C-alpha atoms as a PDB file:
ATOM      1  CA  UNK A   1      41.257  52.916  80.908  1.00  0.00           C
ATOM      2  CA  UNK A   2      40.479  49.902  78.593  1.00  0.00           C
ATOM      3  CA  UNK A   3      44.200  49.432  77.595  1.00  0.00           C
ATOM      4  CA  UNK A   4      45.312  46.041  79.127  1.00  0.00           C
ATOM      5  CA  UNK A   5      48.302  46.109  81.267  1.00  0.00           C
ATOM      6  CA  UNK A   6      51.118  43.637  80.608  1.00  0.00           C
ATOM      7  CA  UNK A   7      51.843  41.181  82.979  1.00  0.00           C
ATOM      8  CA  UNK A   8      55.295  42.744  83.553  1.00  0.00           C
ATOM      9  CA  UNK A   9      53.886  46.033  84.491  1.00  0.00           C
ATOM     10  CA  UNK A  10      51.404  43.794  87.222  1.00  0.00           C
ATOM     11  CA  UNK A  11      54.679  42.766  88.265  1.00  0.00           C
ATOM     12  CA  UNK A  12      56.010  46.171  88.415  1.00  0.00           C
ATOM     13  CA  UNK A  13      53.394  46.891  90.348  1.00  0.00           C
ATOM     14  CA  UNK A  14      53.110  44.756  92.640  1.00  0.00           C
ATOM     15  CA  UNK A  15      57.202  44.959  93.212  1.00  0.00           C
ATOM     16  CA  UNK A  16      55.922  48.483  94.171  1.00  0.00           C
ATOM     17  CA  UNK A  17      53.787  48.159  96.936  1.00  0.00           C
ATOM     18  CA  UNK A  18      56.040  45.172  98.404  1.00  0.00           C
ATOM     19  CA  UNK A  19      58.653  47.527  98.345  1.00  0.00           C
ATOM     20  CA  UNK A  20      57.140  50.388  99.940  1.00  0.00           C
ATOM     21  CA  UNK A  21      55.754  48.191 102.641  1.00  0.00           C
ATOM     22  CA  UNK A  22      59.592  46.724 103.902  1.00  0.00           C
ATOM     23  CA  UNK A  23      61.052  50.513 103.608  1.00  0.00           C
ATOM     24  CA  UNK A  24      58.709  52.070 105.639  1.00  0.00           C
ATOM     25  CA  UNK A  25      58.395  48.972 108.368  1.00  0.00           C
ATOM     26  CA  UNK A  26      62.281  49.270 108.267  1.00  0.00           C
ATOM     27  CA  UNK A  27      62.168  52.791 108.584  1.00  0.00           C
ATOM     28  CA  UNK A  28      59.179  52.825 111.974  1.00  0.00           C
ATOM     29  CA  UNK A  29      61.679  49.674 113.606  1.00  0.00           C
ATOM     30  CA  UNK A  30      64.469  52.475 113.702  1.00  0.00           C
ATOM     31  CA  UNK A  31      62.567  55.283 114.823  1.00  0.00           C
ATOM     32  CA  UNK A  32      61.543  53.470 117.229  1.00  0.00           C
ATOM     33  CA  UNK A  33      64.918  52.596 118.439  1.00  0.00           C
ATOM     34  CA  UNK A  34      68.262  54.509 119.280  1.00  0.00           C
ATOM     35  CA  UNK A  35      69.520  53.895 115.458  1.00  0.00           C
ATOM     36  CA  UNK A  36      71.531  57.306 115.224  1.00  0.00           C
ATOM     37  CA  UNK A  37      73.776  55.678 112.423  1.00  0.00           C
ATOM     38  CA  UNK A  38      71.282  54.267 110.487  1.00  0.00           C
ATOM     39  CA  UNK A  39      69.750  57.605 110.020  1.00  0.00           C
ATOM     40  CA  UNK A  40      71.082  57.588 106.076  1.00  0.00           C
ATOM     41  CA  UNK A  41      68.997  54.604 106.166  1.00  0.00           C
ATOM     42  CA  UNK A  42      66.538  55.117 107.632  1.00  0.00           C
ATOM     43  CA  UNK A  43      65.425  58.647 105.278  1.00  0.00           C
ATOM     44  CA  UNK A  44      66.607  56.757 102.271  1.00  0.00           C
ATOM     45  CA  UNK A  45      64.017  54.109 103.096  1.00  0.00           C
ATOM     46  CA  UNK A  46      61.314  57.066 103.609  1.00  0.00           C
ATOM     47  CA  UNK A  47      62.030  57.871 100.181  1.00  0.00           C
ATOM     48  CA  UNK A  48      62.180  54.728  98.722  1.00  0.00           C
ATOM     49  CA  UNK A  49      58.977  53.767 100.082  1.00  0.00           C
ATOM     50  CA  UNK A  50      57.232  56.951  98.665  1.00  0.00           C
ATOM     51  CA  UNK A  51      58.841  56.616  95.005  1.00  0.00           C
ATOM     52  CA  UNK A  52      57.709  53.136  95.315  1.00  0.00           C
ATOM     53  CA  UNK A  53      53.920  53.776  96.411  1.00  0.00           C
ATOM     54  CA  UNK A  54      53.490  57.287  93.613  1.00  0.00           C
ATOM     55  CA  UNK A  55      54.970  54.608  90.541  1.00  0.00           C
ATOM     56  CA  UNK A  56      53.263  51.756  92.024  1.00  0.00           C
ATOM     57  CA  UNK A  57      49.398  54.115  91.915  1.00  0.00           C
ATOM     58  CA  UNK A  58      50.204  55.391  89.006  1.00  0.00           C
ATOM     59  CA  UNK A  59      51.116  52.630  87.461  1.00  0.00           C
ATOM     60  CA  UNK A  60      47.724  51.096  88.885  1.00  0.00           C
ATOM     61  CA  UNK A  61      45.692  53.813  86.779  1.00  0.00           C
ATOM     62  CA  UNK A  62      46.578  53.274  83.884  1.00  0.00           C
ATOM     63  CA  UNK A  63      44.376  56.445  82.829  1.00  0.00           C
ATOM     64  CA  UNK A  64      44.100  58.202  79.618  1.00  0.00           C
ATOM     65  CA  UNK A  65      47.627  57.355  77.658  1.00  0.00           C
ATOM     66  CA  UNK A  66      49.806  57.719  80.205  1.00  0.00           C
ATOM     67  CA  UNK A  67      52.469  54.849  79.009  1.00  0.00           C
ATOM     68  CA  UNK A  68      55.427  57.367  78.710  1.00  0.00           C
ATOM     69  CA  UNK A  69      54.934  58.883  82.407  1.00  0.00           C
ATOM     70  CA  UNK A  70      54.488  55.457  84.023  1.00  0.00           C
ATOM     71  CA  UNK A  71      57.684  54.147  81.996  1.00  0.00           C
ATOM     72  CA  UNK A  72      58.901  57.332  83.723  1.00  0.00           C
ATOM     73  CA  UNK A  73      58.235  57.027  86.996  1.00  0.00           C
ATOM     74  CA  UNK A  74      59.086  52.986  87.053  1.00  0.00           C
ATOM     75  CA  UNK A  75      62.533  54.250  85.798  1.00  0.00           C
ATOM     76  CA  UNK A  76      62.667  56.453  88.697  1.00  0.00           C
ATOM     77  CA  UNK A  77      61.919  54.235  90.718  1.00  0.00           C
ATOM     78  CA  UNK A  78      63.691  51.138  89.949  1.00  0.00           C
ATOM     79  CA  UNK A  79      66.855  54.065  90.518  1.00  0.00           C
ATOM     80  CA  UNK A  80      66.021  54.906  93.910  1.00  0.00           C
ATOM     81  CA  UNK A  81      65.410  50.878  95.181  1.00  0.00           C
ATOM     82  CA  UNK A  82      68.810  50.477  93.593  1.00  0.00           C
ATOM     83  CA  UNK A  83      69.697  53.282  95.606  1.00  0.00           C
ATOM     84  CA  UNK A  84      68.381  52.005  99.460  1.00  0.00           C
ATOM     85  CA  UNK A  85      69.061  48.169  98.117  1.00  0.00           C
ATOM     86  CA  UNK A  86      72.985  49.501  98.064  1.00  0.00           C
ATOM     87  CA  UNK A  87      72.406  51.542 101.993  1.00  0.00           C
ATOM     88  CA  UNK A  88      70.525  48.507 103.132  1.00  0.00           C
ATOM     89  CA  UNK A  89      73.001  46.346 102.260  1.00  0.00           C
ATOM     90  CA  UNK A  90      76.004  47.447 103.807  1.00  0.00           C
ATOM     91  CA  UNK A  91      73.477  47.065 107.179  1.00  0.00           C
ATOM     92  CA  UNK A  92      72.187  43.562 106.105  1.00  0.00           C
ATOM     93  CA  UNK A  93      74.410  41.059 107.837  1.00  0.00           C
ATOM     94  CA  UNK A  94      73.834  43.129 111.511  1.00  0.00           C
ATOM     95  CA  UNK A  95      70.292  43.758 110.508  1.00  0.00           C
ATOM     96  CA  UNK A  96      67.856  40.986 109.520  1.00  0.00           C
ATOM     97  CA  UNK A  97      65.347  44.113 108.591  1.00  0.00           C
ATOM     98  CA  UNK A  98      68.169  45.648 106.352  1.00  0.00           C
ATOM     99  CA  UNK A  99      68.667  41.987 104.143  1.00  0.00           C
ATOM    100  CA  UNK A 100      64.704  41.752 103.400  1.00  0.00           C
ATOM    101  CA  UNK A 101      64.427  45.793 102.412  1.00  0.00           C
ATOM    102  CA  UNK A 102      67.665  45.211 100.328  1.00  0.00           C
ATOM    103  CA  UNK A 103      66.006  41.917  98.702  1.00  0.00           C
ATOM    104  CA  UNK A 104      62.559  43.600  98.228  1.00  0.00           C
ATOM    105  CA  UNK A 105      64.389  47.030  96.389  1.00  0.00           C
ATOM    106  CA  UNK A 106      66.416  44.563  94.246  1.00  0.00           C
ATOM    107  CA  UNK A 107      63.052  42.724  93.039  1.00  0.00           C
ATOM    108  CA  UNK A 108      61.584  45.928  92.780  1.00  0.00           C
ATOM    109  CA  UNK A 109      64.482  47.827  90.781  1.00  0.00           C
ATOM    110  CA  UNK A 110      64.782  44.328  88.566  1.00  0.00           C
ATOM    111  CA  UNK A 111      60.601  43.992  87.924  1.00  0.00           C
ATOM    112  CA  UNK A 112      60.469  48.438  87.273  1.00  0.00           C
ATOM    113  CA  UNK A 113      63.185  47.539  84.366  1.00  0.00           C
ATOM    114  CA  UNK A 114      61.351  45.385  82.715  1.00  0.00           C
END
C-alpha cells in the first residue's frame, strides 16, 4: 500500500490477465470438442491460466513489502507461460486459438521478466 507500481509491473499484470483469459478460452473450446490429442495442451493451458491469475492478483495488491514475493511469482509465471507457449506452438498451424494463446503466453513471459 502506498508503493508506486512501476510501468513494467503494470504491463506484467495486464499481460498475466490477458494470458489467463486466452488460456481459459482455449481450454474451454477444446473441452467442448473431441480433442483427445490436445489433452496436454488443455491441461497446460489451465495450469498457465491459474499461475497467471495468481501472479496478476498478487502483483496488483502490492500490500506491505511483498516485492520479493511478487518478483518470484512473476518469474514462475514467465516459466509457465513459456512452457504453455511451446505446447501451443505445436498446434498453432492447425488451430488459430493455439496460435493466439502462444503469442499471448510469449508476451506474458516477456512482460513478467522485465
